[in-house]
C-alpha cells in the first residue's frame, strides 16, 4: 500500500468516520471507528444480561466458544463480543446463536404480537366508540349505482 498524508486521509474520511492516525517512519497506519452510538442505560443492561445468558447457555451445553462460533459461522472474537453484551453485534448473529443453541423459537417469539400487551391495548383504544347500523348502507350497496337526478339544474 502507498503512504497517505494526514490531510489526504482527513479529506477522504471527513464526515464519514472518526479516525486515529499513528505516524510510523514511512507510512501512516490508521484505525477507523464508526461514529459513537448512544444507547440507553436500560437497553445496555438488557443487552449485557442477554450476553451473560448466552454464555451460561453455551456452558450448560458444554460447548467451547470455538465450537459455538463454528456452528454460528462467525469468529470467536464476534462470539466474545456477543457474550460481553456489545450492542453493535448484528441481529443476524443473534439469531444464529439462538439457532445454534437450539432455541430459535424463543428468539422468534420475543415480540410476538399475540402476547404484546401494550400493542393489544393500543388496538383496543383504536376501536370505534359506537357501531352504526349497517342496514341502510347494505341496501344501497346491494341495489347498485343510483341513476343520475335529471332535475339538478346543471343541464344534465
C-alpha atoms as a PDB file:
ATOM      1  CA  UNK A   1       0.000   0.000   0.000  1.00  0.00           C
ATOM      2  CA  UNK A   2       1.076   3.565  -0.532  1.00  0.00           C
ATOM      3  CA  UNK A   3       1.806   6.192   2.074  1.00  0.00           C
ATOM      4  CA  UNK A   4      -1.065   8.580   2.728  1.00  0.00           C
ATOM      5  CA  UNK A   5      -0.687  12.079   4.099  1.00  0.00           C
ATOM      6  CA  UNK A   6      -2.716  13.214   7.063  1.00  0.00           C
ATOM      7  CA  UNK A   7      -4.582  15.826   5.045  1.00  0.00           C
ATOM      8  CA  UNK A   8      -5.458  13.317   2.320  1.00  0.00           C
ATOM      9  CA  UNK A   9      -6.732  10.875   4.889  1.00  0.00           C
ATOM     10  CA  UNK A  10      -8.686  13.586   6.677  1.00  0.00           C
ATOM     11  CA  UNK A  11     -10.310  14.768   3.468  1.00  0.00           C
ATOM     12  CA  UNK A  12     -11.162  11.239   2.390  1.00  0.00           C
ATOM     13  CA  UNK A  13     -12.963  10.255   5.580  1.00  0.00           C
ATOM     14  CA  UNK A  14     -14.374  13.654   6.521  1.00  0.00           C
ATOM     15  CA  UNK A  15     -17.959  13.439   7.825  1.00  0.00           C
ATOM     16  CA  UNK A  16     -17.991   9.656   7.320  1.00  0.00           C
ATOM     17  CA  UNK A  17     -15.954   8.222  10.160  1.00  0.00           C
ATOM     18  CA  UNK A  18     -13.777   9.244  13.038  1.00  0.00           C
ATOM     19  CA  UNK A  19     -10.211   8.101  12.805  1.00  0.00           C
ATOM     20  CA  UNK A  20      -6.944   7.965  14.680  1.00  0.00           C
ATOM     21  CA  UNK A  21      -3.654   8.373  12.865  1.00  0.00           C
ATOM     22  CA  UNK A  22      -0.472   6.741  14.120  1.00  0.00           C
ATOM     23  CA  UNK A  23       2.636   8.020  12.393  1.00  0.00           C
ATOM     24  CA  UNK A  24       5.234   5.400  11.502  1.00  0.00           C
ATOM     25  CA  UNK A  25       8.585   6.104   9.822  1.00  0.00           C
ATOM     26  CA  UNK A  26       7.409   5.610   6.215  1.00  0.00           C
ATOM     27  CA  UNK A  27       3.654   5.396   6.294  1.00  0.00           C
ATOM     28  CA  UNK A  28       0.580   6.217   8.328  1.00  0.00           C
ATOM     29  CA  UNK A  29      -1.419   3.461   9.919  1.00  0.00           C
ATOM     30  CA  UNK A  30      -4.971   4.452  10.627  1.00  0.00           C
ATOM     31  CA  UNK A  31      -7.672   2.784  12.615  1.00  0.00           C
ATOM     32  CA  UNK A  32     -11.228   3.724  11.739  1.00  0.00           C
ATOM     33  CA  UNK A  33     -14.109   3.809  14.150  1.00  0.00           C
ATOM     34  CA  UNK A  34     -17.764   4.237  13.335  1.00  0.00           C
ATOM     35  CA  UNK A  35     -19.311   7.303  14.905  1.00  0.00           C
ATOM     36  CA  UNK A  36     -20.220   6.631  18.505  1.00  0.00           C
ATOM     37  CA  UNK A  37     -23.767   5.433  19.026  1.00  0.00           C
ATOM     38  CA  UNK A  38     -25.651   6.207  22.170  1.00  0.00           C
ATOM     39  CA  UNK A  39     -27.669   3.534  23.888  1.00  0.00           C
ATOM     40  CA  UNK A  40     -29.870   3.993  26.921  1.00  0.00           C
ATOM     41  CA  UNK A  41     -28.604   2.537  30.203  1.00  0.00           C
ATOM     42  CA  UNK A  42     -31.636   0.230  30.425  1.00  0.00           C
ATOM     43  CA  UNK A  43     -31.027  -1.121  26.929  1.00  0.00           C
ATOM     44  CA  UNK A  44     -27.306  -1.542  27.666  1.00  0.00           C
ATOM     45  CA  UNK A  45     -28.118  -3.528  30.805  1.00  0.00           C
ATOM     46  CA  UNK A  46     -30.597  -5.709  28.891  1.00  0.00           C
ATOM     47  CA  UNK A  47     -28.002  -6.432  26.185  1.00  0.00           C
ATOM     48  CA  UNK A  48     -25.358  -7.244  28.817  1.00  0.00           C
ATOM     49  CA  UNK A  49     -27.797  -9.589  30.588  1.00  0.00           C
ATOM     50  CA  UNK A  50     -28.599 -11.283  27.270  1.00  0.00           C
ATOM     51  CA  UNK A  51     -24.871 -11.767  26.656  1.00  0.00           C
ATOM     52  CA  UNK A  52     -24.425 -13.352  30.082  1.00  0.00           C
ATOM     53  CA  UNK A  53     -27.420 -15.603  29.438  1.00  0.00           C
ATOM     54  CA  UNK A  54     -25.966 -16.707  26.102  1.00  0.00           C
ATOM     55  CA  UNK A  55     -22.673 -17.503  27.804  1.00  0.00           C
ATOM     56  CA  UNK A  56     -24.454 -19.510  30.513  1.00  0.00           C
ATOM     57  CA  UNK A  57     -26.487 -21.433  27.913  1.00  0.00           C
ATOM     58  CA  UNK A  58     -23.292 -22.241  26.000  1.00  0.00           C
ATOM     59  CA  UNK A  59     -21.596 -23.526  29.146  1.00  0.00           C
ATOM     60  CA  UNK A  60     -24.623 -25.626  30.142  1.00  0.00           C
ATOM     61  CA  UNK A  61     -24.392 -27.305  26.762  1.00  0.00           C
ATOM     62  CA  UNK A  62     -20.680 -27.939  27.385  1.00  0.00           C
ATOM     63  CA  UNK A  63     -19.669 -26.031  24.233  1.00  0.00           C
ATOM     64  CA  UNK A  64     -16.394 -24.211  23.850  1.00  0.00           C
ATOM     65  CA  UNK A  65     -16.512 -20.733  22.340  1.00  0.00           C
ATOM     66  CA  UNK A  66     -14.703 -22.043  19.290  1.00  0.00           C
ATOM     67  CA  UNK A  67     -17.264 -24.830  18.742  1.00  0.00           C
ATOM     68  CA  UNK A  68     -20.238 -22.489  19.049  1.00  0.00           C
ATOM     69  CA  UNK A  69     -18.580 -19.915  16.789  1.00  0.00           C
ATOM     70  CA  UNK A  70     -18.082 -22.594  14.122  1.00  0.00           C
ATOM     71  CA  UNK A  71     -21.744 -23.611  14.409  1.00  0.00           C
ATOM     72  CA  UNK A  72     -22.768 -19.973  14.046  1.00  0.00           C
ATOM     73  CA  UNK A  73     -20.392 -19.262  11.185  1.00  0.00           C
ATOM     74  CA  UNK A  74     -18.644 -16.369  12.937  1.00  0.00           C
ATOM     75  CA  UNK A  75     -15.272 -15.762  14.541  1.00  0.00           C
ATOM     76  CA  UNK A  76     -14.561 -16.436  18.202  1.00  0.00           C
ATOM     77  CA  UNK A  77     -13.998 -12.698  18.670  1.00  0.00           C
ATOM     78  CA  UNK A  78     -17.546 -11.976  17.461  1.00  0.00           C
ATOM     79  CA  UNK A  79     -18.959 -14.544  19.869  1.00  0.00           C
ATOM     80  CA  UNK A  80     -16.921 -12.992  22.686  1.00  0.00           C
ATOM     81  CA  UNK A  81     -18.332  -9.555  21.799  1.00  0.00           C
ATOM     82  CA  UNK A  82     -21.832 -11.029  21.911  1.00  0.00           C
ATOM     83  CA  UNK A  83     -21.239 -12.655  25.291  1.00  0.00           C
ATOM     84  CA  UNK A  84     -19.829  -9.405  26.683  1.00  0.00           C
ATOM     85  CA  UNK A  85     -23.010  -7.582  25.686  1.00  0.00           C
ATOM     86  CA  UNK A  86     -21.692  -5.487  22.816  1.00  0.00           C
ATOM     87  CA  UNK A  87     -24.734  -3.707  21.318  1.00  0.00           C
ATOM     88  CA  UNK A  88     -23.011  -3.478  17.933  1.00  0.00           C
ATOM     89  CA  UNK A  89     -23.405  -7.191  17.163  1.00  0.00           C
ATOM     90  CA  UNK A  90     -25.928  -7.664  14.362  1.00  0.00           C
ATOM     91  CA  UNK A  91     -29.349  -9.159  14.831  1.00  0.00           C
ATOM     92  CA  UNK A  92     -28.476 -11.877  12.313  1.00  0.00           C
ATOM     93  CA  UNK A  93     -25.650 -13.100  14.525  1.00  0.00           C
ATOM     94  CA  UNK A  94     -28.012 -13.027  17.491  1.00  0.00           C
ATOM     95  CA  UNK A  95     -30.456 -15.196  15.537  1.00  0.00           C
ATOM     96  CA  UNK A  96     -27.621 -17.596  14.645  1.00  0.00           C
ATOM     97  CA  UNK A  97     -26.644 -18.060  18.303  1.00  0.00           C
ATOM     98  CA  UNK A  98     -30.247 -18.868  19.194  1.00  0.00           C
ATOM     99  CA  UNK A  99     -30.376 -21.347  16.309  1.00  0.00           C
ATOM    100  CA  UNK A 100     -27.041 -22.904  17.277  1.00  0.00           C
ATOM    101  CA  UNK A 101     -28.156 -23.290  20.893  1.00  0.00           C
ATOM    102  CA  UNK A 102     -31.409 -24.927  19.781  1.00  0.00           C
ATOM    103  CA  UNK A 103     -33.813 -22.257  20.954  1.00  0.00           C
ATOM    104  CA  UNK A 104     -34.686 -20.289  17.813  1.00  0.00           C
ATOM    105  CA  UNK A 105     -38.366 -20.336  18.788  1.00  0.00           C
ATOM    106  CA  UNK A 106     -37.562 -18.150  21.815  1.00  0.00           C
ATOM    107  CA  UNK A 107     -35.907 -15.626  19.519  1.00  0.00           C
ATOM    108  CA  UNK A 108     -38.810 -15.514  17.078  1.00  0.00           C
ATOM    109  CA  UNK A 109     -41.337 -15.228  19.938  1.00  0.00           C
ATOM    110  CA  UNK A 110     -39.541 -12.276  21.543  1.00  0.00           C
ATOM    111  CA  UNK A 111     -42.134  -9.716  20.415  1.00  0.00           C
ATOM    112  CA  UNK A 112     -44.966 -11.971  19.344  1.00  0.00           C
ATOM    113  CA  UNK A 113     -47.981  -9.793  18.528  1.00  0.00           C
ATOM    114  CA  UNK A 114     -50.351 -12.210  20.271  1.00  0.00           C
ATOM    115  CA  UNK A 115     -48.593 -11.672  23.594  1.00  0.00           C
ATOM    116  CA  UNK A 116     -47.820  -7.962  23.150  1.00  0.00           C
ATOM    117  CA  UNK A 117     -49.934  -6.438  25.936  1.00  0.00           C
ATOM    118  CA  UNK A 118     -49.158  -2.815  25.021  1.00  0.00           C
ATOM    119  CA  UNK A 119     -49.946  -3.432  21.369  1.00  0.00           C
ATOM    120  CA  UNK A 120     -53.216  -5.119  22.295  1.00  0.00           C
ATOM    121  CA  UNK A 121     -54.169  -2.137  24.475  1.00  0.00           C
ATOM    122  CA  UNK A 122     -53.479   0.201  21.549  1.00  0.00           C
ATOM    123  CA  UNK A 123     -55.656  -1.997  19.335  1.00  0.00           C
ATOM    124  CA  UNK A 124     -58.487  -1.741  21.855  1.00  0.00           C
ATOM    125  CA  UNK A 125     -58.100   2.041  22.030  1.00  0.00           C
ATOM    126  CA  UNK A 126     -58.407   2.254  18.241  1.00  0.00           C
ATOM    127  CA  UNK A 127     -61.797   0.557  18.220  1.00  0.00           C
ATOM    128  CA  UNK A 128     -64.698   2.844  17.253  1.00  0.00           C
ATOM    129  CA  UNK A 129     -66.709   4.442  20.042  1.00  0.00           C
ATOM    130  CA  UNK A 130     -70.027   3.308  18.561  1.00  0.00           C
ATOM    131  CA  UNK A 131     -71.113   0.932  15.867  1.00  0.00           C
ATOM    132  CA  UNK A 132     -73.717   2.206  13.428  1.00  0.00           C
ATOM    133  CA  UNK A 133     -76.370   0.011  11.961  1.00  0.00           C
ATOM    134  CA  UNK A 134     -75.307  -1.378   8.606  1.00  0.00           C
ATOM    135  CA  UNK A 135     -78.804  -1.942   7.142  1.00  0.00           C
ATOM    136  CA  UNK A 136     -79.120   1.306   5.141  1.00  0.00           C
ATOM    137  CA  UNK A 137     -75.571   1.099   3.784  1.00  0.00           C
ATOM    138  CA  UNK A 138     -76.020  -2.542   2.771  1.00  0.00           C
ATOM    139  CA  UNK A 139     -79.265  -1.775   0.926  1.00  0.00           C
ATOM    140  CA  UNK A 140     -77.503   0.948  -1.103  1.00  0.00           C
ATOM    141  CA  UNK A 141     -74.596  -1.353  -1.950  1.00  0.00           C
ATOM    142  CA  UNK A 142     -76.869  -4.240  -2.945  1.00  0.00           C
ATOM    143  CA  UNK A 143     -79.103  -2.117  -5.195  1.00  0.00           C
ATOM    144  CA  UNK A 144     -76.126  -0.952  -7.272  1.00  0.00           C
ATOM    145  CA  UNK A 145     -75.366   2.533  -8.586  1.00  0.00           C
ATOM    146  CA  UNK A 146     -78.182   5.070  -8.366  1.00  0.00           C
ATOM    147  CA  UNK A 147     -79.411   6.806 -11.547  1.00  0.00           C
ATOM    148  CA  UNK A 148     -78.449  10.437 -12.032  1.00  0.00           C
ATOM    149  CA  UNK A 149     -81.008  13.008 -10.915  1.00  0.00           C
ATOM    150  CA  UNK A 150     -82.001  14.925 -14.073  1.00  0.00           C
ATOM    151  CA  UNK A 151     -83.606  17.779 -12.198  1.00  0.00           C
ATOM    152  CA  UNK A 152     -80.453  19.254 -10.656  1.00  0.00           C
ATOM    153  CA  UNK A 153     -80.304  22.339 -12.889  1.00  0.00           C
ATOM    154  CA  UNK A 154     -76.843  21.561 -14.248  1.00  0.00           C
ATOM    155  CA  UNK A 155     -78.047  20.741 -17.741  1.00  0.00           C
ATOM    156  CA  UNK A 156     -77.709  17.016 -17.375  1.00  0.00           C
END
